[in-house]
């Protein structure tokens, strides 16, 4: 902490030196200037008259959305079932594909840190870099619209998430247990089964349940790009401006997410 001498000869303690204070001021000024510049760029094409009328437009739309069309619920059970299937089957497929990738990416289980590990890490990064909606758009164009495209999209998106968290869990295991099993003359497969797998099983189960919970949310909107589920029903209702149907679909999506959250919390609590 710097000390300065005042004009009357007394010593004064300061938290920062004059140079540090100036540097801090310059940093804050640069941050504010950058924020203002970014705001101007983002709002360059904004029509502020539309923004001013947005509350009135929102009130008009919400007025048309009430009351929900409850008799439309009978036509949503099949899309809801498709949504759950997309999330569940996509998660299961991702688990099958991501588990070996995680073992290949972990430093303590990869067969080659020079060749195999970079490839496995590339797969994980590529999967995490592309949003599920983009995967859905690509797969609907390739496979056609439907539930199958949604399942593959969810799986491709989930590989990176599961693979990253799982390989980090593998790298954090207690190597002393592995060495103890290896010292008994166990084969590599036995070391894997009895030394590594038991240590990562709680993390493995928790990661997969967490990802399934996330996939329930993502699968509800994949239908907006033609991948089936409640999102497809939502898009159809939006296209014909059937606002009471939109309200009911949104309520069903909200209820589905809440139920999946409760189920995931119960499963995680039972595991941990």
C-alpha atoms as a PDB file:
ATOM      1  CA  UNK A   1       0.000   0.000   0.000  1.00  0.00           C
ATOM      2  CA  UNK A   2       1.669   3.322  -1.066  1.00  0.00           C
ATOM      3  CA  UNK A   3       2.386   6.129   1.343  1.00  0.00           C
ATOM      4  CA  UNK A   4       2.389   9.807   0.370  1.00  0.00           C
ATOM      5  CA  UNK A   5       3.448  12.846   2.373  1.00  0.00           C
ATOM      6  CA  UNK A   6       0.972  15.691   2.564  1.00  0.00           C
ATOM      7  CA  UNK A   7       1.838  19.409   2.546  1.00  0.00           C
ATOM      8  CA  UNK A   8       1.711  19.594   6.347  1.00  0.00           C
ATOM      9  CA  UNK A   9       4.238  16.755   6.626  1.00  0.00           C
ATOM     10  CA  UNK A  10       1.807  14.039   7.695  1.00  0.00           C
ATOM     11  CA  UNK A  11       1.880  10.631   6.002  1.00  0.00           C
ATOM     12  CA  UNK A  12      -1.193   9.481   4.136  1.00  0.00           C
ATOM     13  CA  UNK A  13      -1.941   5.897   3.221  1.00  0.00           C
ATOM     14  CA  UNK A  14      -3.444   5.254  -0.199  1.00  0.00           C
ATOM     15  CA  UNK A  15      -4.908   2.091  -1.623  1.00  0.00           C
ATOM     16  CA  UNK A  16      -3.454   2.728  -5.092  1.00  0.00           C
ATOM     17  CA  UNK A  17      -0.569   4.727  -6.459  1.00  0.00           C
ATOM     18  CA  UNK A  18      -1.389   7.624  -8.810  1.00  0.00           C
ATOM     19  CA  UNK A  19      -0.260   5.475 -11.744  1.00  0.00           C
ATOM     20  CA  UNK A  20      -2.480   2.572 -10.676  1.00  0.00           C
ATOM     21  CA  UNK A  21      -5.443   4.918 -10.203  1.00  0.00           C
ATOM     22  CA  UNK A  22      -4.902   6.342 -13.689  1.00  0.00           C
ATOM     23  CA  UNK A  23      -4.637   2.850 -15.182  1.00  0.00           C
ATOM     24  CA  UNK A  24      -7.851   1.800 -13.469  1.00  0.00           C
ATOM     25  CA  UNK A  25      -9.664   4.904 -14.714  1.00  0.00           C
ATOM     26  CA  UNK A  26      -8.387   4.284 -18.238  1.00  0.00           C
ATOM     27  CA  UNK A  27      -9.584   0.688 -18.093  1.00  0.00           C
ATOM     28  CA  UNK A  28     -13.088   1.660 -17.000  1.00  0.00           C
ATOM     29  CA  UNK A  29     -13.230   4.426 -19.623  1.00  0.00           C
ATOM     30  CA  UNK A  30     -12.194   1.964 -22.364  1.00  0.00           C
ATOM     31  CA  UNK A  31     -14.832  -0.547 -21.187  1.00  0.00           C
ATOM     32  CA  UNK A  32     -17.586   2.089 -21.236  1.00  0.00           C
ATOM     33  CA  UNK A  33     -16.478   3.317 -24.656  1.00  0.00           C
ATOM     34  CA  UNK A  34     -16.501  -0.251 -26.005  1.00  0.00           C
ATOM     35  CA  UNK A  35     -19.978  -0.835 -24.565  1.00  0.00           C
ATOM     36  CA  UNK A  36     -21.316   2.334 -26.195  1.00  0.00           C
ATOM     37  CA  UNK A  37     -19.721   1.381 -29.524  1.00  0.00           C
ATOM     38  CA  UNK A  38     -21.201  -2.135 -29.432  1.00  0.00           C
ATOM     39  CA  UNK A  39     -24.616  -0.741 -28.535  1.00  0.00           C
ATOM     40  CA  UNK A  40     -24.497   1.645 -31.503  1.00  0.00           C
ATOM     41  CA  UNK A  41     -23.532  -1.177 -33.850  1.00  0.00           C
ATOM     42  CA  UNK A  42     -26.269  -3.498 -32.575  1.00  0.00           C
ATOM     43  CA  UNK A  43     -28.996  -0.832 -32.771  1.00  0.00           C
ATOM     44  CA  UNK A  44     -27.925   0.735 -36.070  1.00  0.00           C
ATOM     45  CA  UNK A  45     -30.851  -0.853 -37.958  1.00  0.00           C
ATOM     46  CA  UNK A  46     -33.376  -0.610 -35.120  1.00  0.00           C
ATOM     47  CA  UNK A  47     -36.617   1.187 -35.949  1.00  0.00           C
ATOM     48  CA  UNK A  48     -37.379   2.887 -32.666  1.00  0.00           C
ATOM     49  CA  UNK A  49     -40.995   3.571 -33.639  1.00  0.00           C
ATOM     50  CA  UNK A  50     -41.581  -0.184 -33.557  1.00  0.00           C
ATOM     51  CA  UNK A  51     -39.855  -0.406 -30.197  1.00  0.00           C
ATOM     52  CA  UNK A  52     -42.076   2.356 -28.813  1.00  0.00           C
ATOM     53  CA  UNK A  53     -45.209   0.492 -29.952  1.00  0.00           C
ATOM     54  CA  UNK A  54     -43.946  -2.892 -28.666  1.00  0.00           C
ATOM     55  CA  UNK A  55     -45.862  -2.778 -25.328  1.00  0.00           C
ATOM     56  CA  UNK A  56     -49.136  -2.162 -27.151  1.00  0.00           C
ATOM     57  CA  UNK A  57     -48.398  -4.948 -29.655  1.00  0.00           C
ATOM     58  CA  UNK A  58     -47.466  -7.353 -26.852  1.00  0.00           C
ATOM     59  CA  UNK A  59     -50.653  -6.528 -24.947  1.00  0.00           C
ATOM     60  CA  UNK A  60     -52.692  -7.146 -28.104  1.00  0.00           C
ATOM     61  CA  UNK A  61     -51.085 -10.556 -28.735  1.00  0.00           C
ATOM     62  CA  UNK A  62     -51.412 -11.655 -25.105  1.00  0.00           C
ATOM     63  CA  UNK A  63     -55.051 -10.592 -25.228  1.00  0.00           C
ATOM     64  CA  UNK A  64     -55.614 -12.864 -28.232  1.00  0.00           C
ATOM     65  CA  UNK A  65     -53.827 -15.748 -26.465  1.00  0.00           C
ATOM     66  CA  UNK A  66     -56.360 -15.819 -23.644  1.00  0.00           C
ATOM     67  CA  UNK A  67     -58.098 -18.047 -22.778  1.00  0.00           C
ATOM     68  CA  UNK A  68     -56.162 -21.144 -23.908  1.00  0.00           C
ATOM     69  CA  UNK A  69     -57.943 -23.545 -26.231  1.00  0.00           C
ATOM     70  CA  UNK A  70     -58.259 -26.457 -23.821  1.00  0.00           C
ATOM     71  CA  UNK A  71     -60.033 -28.732 -26.290  1.00  0.00           C
ATOM     72  CA  UNK A  72     -56.881 -28.709 -28.434  1.00  0.00           C
ATOM     73  CA  UNK A  73     -55.002 -30.705 -25.766  1.00  0.00           C
ATOM     74  CA  UNK A  74     -56.173 -34.007 -27.226  1.00  0.00           C
ATOM     75  CA  UNK A  75     -54.112 -33.339 -30.349  1.00  0.00           C
ATOM     76  CA  UNK A  76     -50.930 -32.594 -28.380  1.00  0.00           C
ATOM     77  CA  UNK A  77     -50.397 -35.895 -26.578  1.00  0.00           C
ATOM     78  CA  UNK A  78     -48.722 -37.506 -29.594  1.00  0.00           C
ATOM     79  CA  UNK A  79     -46.356 -34.537 -30.174  1.00  0.00           C
ATOM     80  CA  UNK A  80     -45.584 -34.580 -26.438  1.00  0.00           C
ATOM     81  CA  UNK A  81     -44.733 -38.279 -26.625  1.00  0.00           C
ATOM     82  CA  UNK A  82     -42.520 -37.560 -29.652  1.00  0.00           C
ATOM     83  CA  UNK A  83     -40.744 -34.826 -27.705  1.00  0.00           C
ATOM     84  CA  UNK A  84     -39.989 -37.158 -24.797  1.00  0.00           C
ATOM     85  CA  UNK A  85     -38.816 -39.848 -27.209  1.00  0.00           C
ATOM     86  CA  UNK A  86     -36.538 -37.409 -29.042  1.00  0.00           C
ATOM     87  CA  UNK A  87     -34.888 -36.373 -25.763  1.00  0.00           C
ATOM     88  CA  UNK A  88     -34.625 -39.900 -24.364  1.00  0.00           C
ATOM     89  CA  UNK A  89     -33.467 -41.724 -27.495  1.00  0.00           C
ATOM     90  CA  UNK A  90     -31.101 -38.884 -28.389  1.00  0.00           C
ATOM     91  CA  UNK A  91     -29.560 -39.007 -24.924  1.00  0.00           C
ATOM     92  CA  UNK A  92     -29.141 -42.791 -25.027  1.00  0.00           C
ATOM     93  CA  UNK A  93     -27.486 -42.614 -28.443  1.00  0.00           C
ATOM     94  CA  UNK A  94     -25.193 -39.850 -27.211  1.00  0.00           C
ATOM     95  CA  UNK A  95     -24.197 -41.950 -24.188  1.00  0.00           C
ATOM     96  CA  UNK A  96     -23.230 -44.857 -26.437  1.00  0.00           C
ATOM     97  CA  UNK A  97     -21.133 -42.604 -28.676  1.00  0.00           C
ATOM     98  CA  UNK A  98     -19.696 -40.221 -26.072  1.00  0.00           C
ATOM     99  CA  UNK A  99     -18.474 -42.805 -23.547  1.00  0.00           C
ATOM    100  CA  UNK A 100     -15.679 -44.284 -25.707  1.00  0.00           C
ATOM    101  CA  UNK A 101     -14.789 -40.790 -26.918  1.00  0.00           C
ATOM    102  CA  UNK A 102     -14.374 -39.688 -23.283  1.00  0.00           C
ATOM    103  CA  UNK A 103     -12.035 -42.584 -22.514  1.00  0.00           C
ATOM    104  CA  UNK A 104     -10.011 -41.755 -25.627  1.00  0.00           C
ATOM    105  CA  UNK A 105      -9.814 -38.087 -24.599  1.00  0.00           C
ATOM    106  CA  UNK A 106      -8.765 -38.621 -20.971  1.00  0.00           C
ATOM    107  CA  UNK A 107      -5.000 -38.419 -20.427  1.00  0.00           C
ATOM    108  CA  UNK A 108      -4.880 -41.455 -18.159  1.00  0.00           C
ATOM    109  CA  UNK A 109      -6.891 -43.788 -20.439  1.00  0.00           C
ATOM    110  CA  UNK A 110      -6.114 -42.688 -23.988  1.00  0.00           C
ATOM    111  CA  UNK A 111      -3.992 -45.120 -26.013  1.00  0.00           C
ATOM    112  CA  UNK A 112      -2.098 -42.230 -27.624  1.00  0.00           C
ATOM    113  CA  UNK A 113      -1.822 -38.684 -26.310  1.00  0.00           C
ATOM    114  CA  UNK A 114      -0.302 -37.561 -29.616  1.00  0.00           C
ATOM    115  CA  UNK A 115      -2.697 -39.075 -32.165  1.00  0.00           C
ATOM    116  CA  UNK A 116      -5.883 -40.416 -30.565  1.00  0.00           C
ATOM    117  CA  UNK A 117      -6.501 -37.781 -27.868  1.00  0.00           C
ATOM    118  CA  UNK A 118      -6.508 -34.771 -30.243  1.00  0.00           C
ATOM    119  CA  UNK A 119      -9.037 -36.533 -32.487  1.00  0.00           C
ATOM    120  CA  UNK A 120     -11.289 -37.294 -29.518  1.00  0.00           C
ATOM    121  CA  UNK A 121     -11.029 -33.705 -28.263  1.00  0.00           C
ATOM    122  CA  UNK A 122     -11.866 -32.433 -31.747  1.00  0.00           C
ATOM    123  CA  UNK A 123     -15.059 -34.524 -31.769  1.00  0.00           C
ATOM    124  CA  UNK A 124     -16.043 -33.137 -28.379  1.00  0.00           C
ATOM    125  CA  UNK A 125     -15.367 -29.526 -29.380  1.00  0.00           C
ATOM    126  CA  UNK A 126     -17.122 -29.897 -32.751  1.00  0.00           C
ATOM    127  CA  UNK A 127     -20.225 -31.299 -31.075  1.00  0.00           C
ATOM    128  CA  UNK A 128     -20.360 -28.553 -28.450  1.00  0.00           C
ATOM    129  CA  UNK A 129     -19.758 -25.776 -30.970  1.00  0.00           C
ATOM    130  CA  UNK A 130     -22.936 -26.387 -32.997  1.00  0.00           C
ATOM    131  CA  UNK A 131     -26.342 -25.710 -31.476  1.00  0.00           C
ATOM    132  CA  UNK A 132     -29.050 -28.370 -31.563  1.00  0.00           C
ATOM    133  CA  UNK A 133     -31.218 -26.177 -33.807  1.00  0.00           C
ATOM    134  CA  UNK A 134     -28.418 -25.964 -36.379  1.00  0.00           C
ATOM    135  CA  UNK A 135     -27.947 -29.740 -36.201  1.00  0.00           C
ATOM    136  CA  UNK A 136     -31.705 -30.014 -36.682  1.00  0.00           C
ATOM    137  CA  UNK A 137     -31.691 -27.779 -39.750  1.00  0.00           C
ATOM    138  CA  UNK A 138     -28.885 -29.777 -41.346  1.00  0.00           C
ATOM    139  CA  UNK A 139     -30.420 -33.163 -40.550  1.00  0.00           C
ATOM    140  CA  UNK A 140     -33.917 -32.189 -41.682  1.00  0.00           C
ATOM    141  CA  UNK A 141     -32.371 -31.180 -45.015  1.00  0.00           C
ATOM    142  CA  UNK A 142     -30.488 -34.509 -45.193  1.00  0.00           C
ATOM    143  CA  UNK A 143     -32.913 -36.994 -43.612  1.00  0.00           C
ATOM    144  CA  UNK A 144     -36.181 -35.160 -44.120  1.00  0.00           C
ATOM    145  CA  UNK A 145     -38.538 -33.830 -41.444  1.00  0.00           C
ATOM    146  CA  UNK A 146     -39.557 -36.037 -38.570  1.00  0.00           C
ATOM    147  CA  UNK A 147     -38.621 -37.485 -35.211  1.00  0.00           C
ATOM    148  CA  UNK A 148     -35.562 -39.360 -36.499  1.00  0.00           C
ATOM    149  CA  UNK A 149     -33.832 -36.120 -37.494  1.00  0.00           C
ATOM    150  CA  UNK A 150     -34.579 -34.730 -34.030  1.00  0.00           C
ATOM    151  CA  UNK A 151     -33.092 -37.772 -32.289  1.00  0.00           C
ATOM    152  CA  UNK A 152     -29.869 -37.539 -34.300  1.00  0.00           C
ATOM    153  CA  UNK A 153     -29.665 -33.778 -33.709  1.00  0.00           C
ATOM    154  CA  UNK A 154     -30.018 -34.206 -29.941  1.00  0.00           C
ATOM    155  CA  UNK A 155     -27.428 -36.993 -29.961  1.00  0.00           C
ATOM    156  CA  UNK A 156     -24.860 -35.028 -31.951  1.00  0.00           C
ATOM    157  CA  UNK A 157     -25.278 -32.034 -29.669  1.00  0.00           C
ATOM    158  CA  UNK A 158     -25.040 -34.150 -26.500  1.00  0.00           C
ATOM    159  CA  UNK A 159     -21.849 -36.014 -27.423  1.00  0.00           C
ATOM    160  CA  UNK A 160     -19.676 -33.008 -26.647  1.00  0.00           C
ATOM    161  CA  UNK A 161     -21.401 -32.253 -23.342  1.00  0.00           C
ATOM    162  CA  UNK A 162     -21.273 -35.818 -22.019  1.00  0.00           C
ATOM    163  CA  UNK A 163     -17.810 -36.490 -23.431  1.00  0.00           C
ATOM    164  CA  UNK A 164     -16.246 -33.376 -21.902  1.00  0.00           C
ATOM    165  CA  UNK A 165     -17.623 -33.833 -18.391  1.00  0.00           C
ATOM    166  CA  UNK A 166     -16.972 -37.565 -18.438  1.00  0.00           C
ATOM    167  CA  UNK A 167     -13.355 -37.357 -19.559  1.00  0.00           C
ATOM    168  CA  UNK A 168     -12.714 -34.747 -16.869  1.00  0.00           C
ATOM    169  CA  UNK A 169     -14.198 -37.152 -14.316  1.00  0.00           C
ATOM    170  CA  UNK A 170     -11.948 -39.926 -15.628  1.00  0.00           C
ATOM    171  CA  UNK A 171      -8.870 -37.750 -15.243  1.00  0.00           C
ATOM    172  CA  UNK A 172      -9.796 -36.977 -11.619  1.00  0.00           C
ATOM    173  CA  UNK A 173      -9.970 -40.594 -10.411  1.00  0.00           C
ATOM    174  CA  UNK A 174      -7.746 -41.885  -7.616  1.00  0.00           C
ATOM    175  CA  UNK A 175      -4.811 -43.493  -9.414  1.00  0.00           C
ATOM    176  CA  UNK A 176      -3.810 -45.383  -6.287  1.00  0.00           C
ATOM    177  CA  UNK A 177      -6.787 -47.691  -6.678  1.00  0.00           C
ATOM    178  CA  UNK A 178      -5.873 -48.320 -10.292  1.00  0.00           C
ATOM    179  CA  UNK A 179      -2.269 -49.084  -9.379  1.00  0.00           C
ATOM    180  CA  UNK A 180      -3.365 -51.465  -6.617  1.00  0.00           C
ATOM    181  CA  UNK A 181      -5.489 -53.477  -9.045  1.00  0.00           C
ATOM    182  CA  UNK A 182      -2.769 -53.417 -11.686  1.00  0.00           C
ATOM    183  CA  UNK A 183      -0.250 -54.707  -9.100  1.00  0.00           C
ATOM    184  CA  UNK A 184      -2.323 -57.862  -8.646  1.00  0.00           C
ATOM    185  CA  UNK A 185      -1.589 -58.799 -12.261  1.00  0.00           C
ATOM    186  CA  UNK A 186      -4.968 -57.716 -13.606  1.00  0.00           C
ATOM    187  CA  UNK A 187      -5.396 -57.320 -17.343  1.00  0.00           C
ATOM    188  CA  UNK A 188      -6.127 -53.863 -18.880  1.00  0.00           C
ATOM    189  CA  UNK A 189      -9.806 -54.815 -19.180  1.00  0.00           C
ATOM    190  CA  UNK A 190      -9.941 -55.805 -15.516  1.00  0.00           C
ATOM    191  CA  UNK A 191      -8.205 -52.591 -14.508  1.00  0.00           C
ATOM    192  CA  UNK A 192     -10.837 -50.678 -16.463  1.00  0.00           C
ATOM    193  CA  UNK A 193     -13.770 -52.629 -15.000  1.00  0.00           C
ATOM    194  CA  UNK A 194     -12.639 -52.771 -11.353  1.00  0.00           C
ATOM    195  CA  UNK A 195     -10.353 -49.749 -11.039  1.00  0.00           C
ATOM    196  CA  UNK A 196     -11.788 -46.973 -13.203  1.00  0.00           C
ATOM    197  CA  UNK A 197     -15.465 -47.653 -13.875  1.00  0.00           C
ATOM    198  CA  UNK A 198     -16.587 -47.859 -10.204  1.00  0.00           C
ATOM    199  CA  UNK A 199     -14.973 -44.488  -9.495  1.00  0.00           C
ATOM    200  CA  UNK A 200     -16.705 -42.668 -12.339  1.00  0.00           C
ATOM    201  CA  UNK A 201     -20.157 -44.306 -12.111  1.00  0.00           C
ATOM    202  CA  UNK A 202     -21.736 -41.620  -9.849  1.00  0.00           C
ATOM    203  CA  UNK A 203     -20.459 -38.851 -12.131  1.00  0.00           C
ATOM    204  CA  UNK A 204     -21.448 -40.853 -15.214  1.00  0.00           C
ATOM    205  CA  UNK A 205     -25.037 -41.285 -14.032  1.00  0.00           C
ATOM    206  CA  UNK A 206     -25.363 -37.675 -12.853  1.00  0.00           C
ATOM    207  CA  UNK A 207     -24.002 -36.269 -16.126  1.00  0.00           C
ATOM    208  CA  UNK A 208     -26.384 -38.364 -18.217  1.00  0.00           C
ATOM    209  CA  UNK A 209     -29.443 -37.467 -16.145  1.00  0.00           C
ATOM    210  CA  UNK A 210     -28.504 -33.792 -16.296  1.00  0.00           C
ATOM    211  CA  UNK A 211     -28.082 -33.981 -20.069  1.00  0.00           C
ATOM    212  CA  UNK A 212     -31.449 -35.721 -20.459  1.00  0.00           C
ATOM    213  CA  UNK A 213     -33.043 -32.881 -18.504  1.00  0.00           C
ATOM    214  CA  UNK A 214     -31.435 -30.360 -20.863  1.00  0.00           C
ATOM    215  CA  UNK A 215     -32.497 -32.369 -23.914  1.00  0.00           C
ATOM    216  CA  UNK A 216     -36.141 -32.252 -22.831  1.00  0.00           C
ATOM    217  CA  UNK A 217     -35.945 -28.471 -23.185  1.00  0.00           C
ATOM    218  CA  UNK A 218     -34.084 -28.568 -26.487  1.00  0.00           C
ATOM    219  CA  UNK A 219     -36.374 -31.180 -28.044  1.00  0.00           C
ATOM    220  CA  UNK A 220     -39.435 -28.980 -27.416  1.00  0.00           C
ATOM    221  CA  UNK A 221     -38.163 -26.408 -29.907  1.00  0.00           C
ATOM    222  CA  UNK A 222     -36.574 -28.697 -32.490  1.00  0.00           C
ATOM    223  CA  UNK A 223     -39.952 -28.971 -34.182  1.00  0.00           C
ATOM    224  CA  UNK A 224     -39.591 -25.343 -35.233  1.00  0.00           C
ATOM    225  CA  UNK A 225     -37.127 -26.578 -37.865  1.00  0.00           C
ATOM    226  CA  UNK A 226     -39.205 -29.636 -38.780  1.00  0.00           C
ATOM    227  CA  UNK A 227     -37.743 -32.212 -36.386  1.00  0.00           C
ATOM    228  CA  UNK A 228     -41.065 -33.251 -34.817  1.00  0.00           C
ATOM    229  CA  UNK A 229     -42.464 -32.934 -31.321  1.00  0.00           C
ATOM    230  CA  UNK A 230     -44.285 -30.074 -29.647  1.00  0.00           C
ATOM    231  CA  UNK A 231     -42.207 -27.566 -31.570  1.00  0.00           C
ATOM    232  CA  UNK A 232     -43.823 -28.685 -34.818  1.00  0.00           C
ATOM    233  CA  UNK A 233     -47.283 -28.136 -33.360  1.00  0.00           C
ATOM    234  CA  UNK A 234     -46.136 -24.741 -32.087  1.00  0.00           C
ATOM    235  CA  UNK A 235     -44.878 -23.735 -35.516  1.00  0.00           C
ATOM    236  CA  UNK A 236     -48.140 -24.826 -37.158  1.00  0.00           C
ATOM    237  CA  UNK A 237     -50.190 -22.782 -34.702  1.00  0.00           C
ATOM    238  CA  UNK A 238     -47.967 -19.737 -35.126  1.00  0.00           C
ATOM    239  CA  UNK A 239     -48.248 -19.935 -38.914  1.00  0.00           C
ATOM    240  CA  UNK A 240     -52.055 -19.718 -38.784  1.00  0.00           C
ATOM    241  CA  UNK A 241     -52.044 -17.184 -35.913  1.00  0.00           C
ATOM    242  CA  UNK A 242     -53.963 -19.575 -33.657  1.00  0.00           C
ATOM    243  CA  UNK A 243     -52.942 -17.769 -30.473  1.00  0.00           C
ATOM    244  CA  UNK A 244     -55.130 -19.742 -28.009  1.00  0.00           C
ATOM    245  CA  UNK A 245     -53.481 -22.930 -29.298  1.00  0.00           C
ATOM    246  CA  UNK A 246     -50.065 -21.338 -28.864  1.00  0.00           C
ATOM    247  CA  UNK A 247     -50.894 -20.596 -25.217  1.00  0.00           C
ATOM    248  CA  UNK A 248     -51.864 -24.213 -24.578  1.00  0.00           C
ATOM    249  CA  UNK A 249     -48.708 -25.523 -26.265  1.00  0.00           C
ATOM    250  CA  UNK A 250     -46.517 -23.181 -24.212  1.00  0.00           C
ATOM    251  CA  UNK A 251     -48.253 -24.296 -21.019  1.00  0.00           C
ATOM    252  CA  UNK A 252     -47.664 -27.935 -21.960  1.00  0.00           C
ATOM    253  CA  UNK A 253     -43.993 -27.249 -22.687  1.00  0.00           C
ATOM    254  CA  UNK A 254     -43.688 -25.472 -19.335  1.00  0.00           C
ATOM    255  CA  UNK A 255     -45.331 -28.391 -17.504  1.00  0.00           C
ATOM    256  CA  UNK A 256     -43.116 -30.909 -19.315  1.00  0.00           C
ATOM    257  CA  UNK A 257     -39.955 -29.058 -18.329  1.00  0.00           C
ATOM    258  CA  UNK A 258     -41.070 -28.842 -14.696  1.00  0.00           C
ATOM    259  CA  UNK A 259     -41.848 -32.585 -14.552  1.00  0.00           C
ATOM    260  CA  UNK A 260     -38.506 -33.460 -16.172  1.00  0.00           C
ATOM    261  CA  UNK A 261     -36.740 -31.194 -13.674  1.00  0.00           C
ATOM    262  CA  UNK A 262     -38.405 -32.979 -10.761  1.00  0.00           C
ATOM    263  CA  UNK A 263     -37.589 -36.412 -12.177  1.00  0.00           C
ATOM    264  CA  UNK A 264     -33.965 -35.459 -12.802  1.00  0.00           C
ATOM    265  CA  UNK A 265     -33.637 -34.039  -9.285  1.00  0.00           C
ATOM    266  CA  UNK A 266     -35.041 -37.230  -7.747  1.00  0.00           C
ATOM    267  CA  UNK A 267     -32.683 -39.404  -9.784  1.00  0.00           C
ATOM    268  CA  UNK A 268     -29.633 -37.270  -8.955  1.00  0.00           C
ATOM    269  CA  UNK A 269     -30.553 -37.326  -5.263  1.00  0.00           C
ATOM    270  CA  UNK A 270     -30.868 -41.130  -5.356  1.00  0.00           C
ATOM    271  CA  UNK A 271     -27.481 -41.438  -7.098  1.00  0.00           C
ATOM    272  CA  UNK A 272     -25.561 -39.015  -4.898  1.00  0.00           C
END
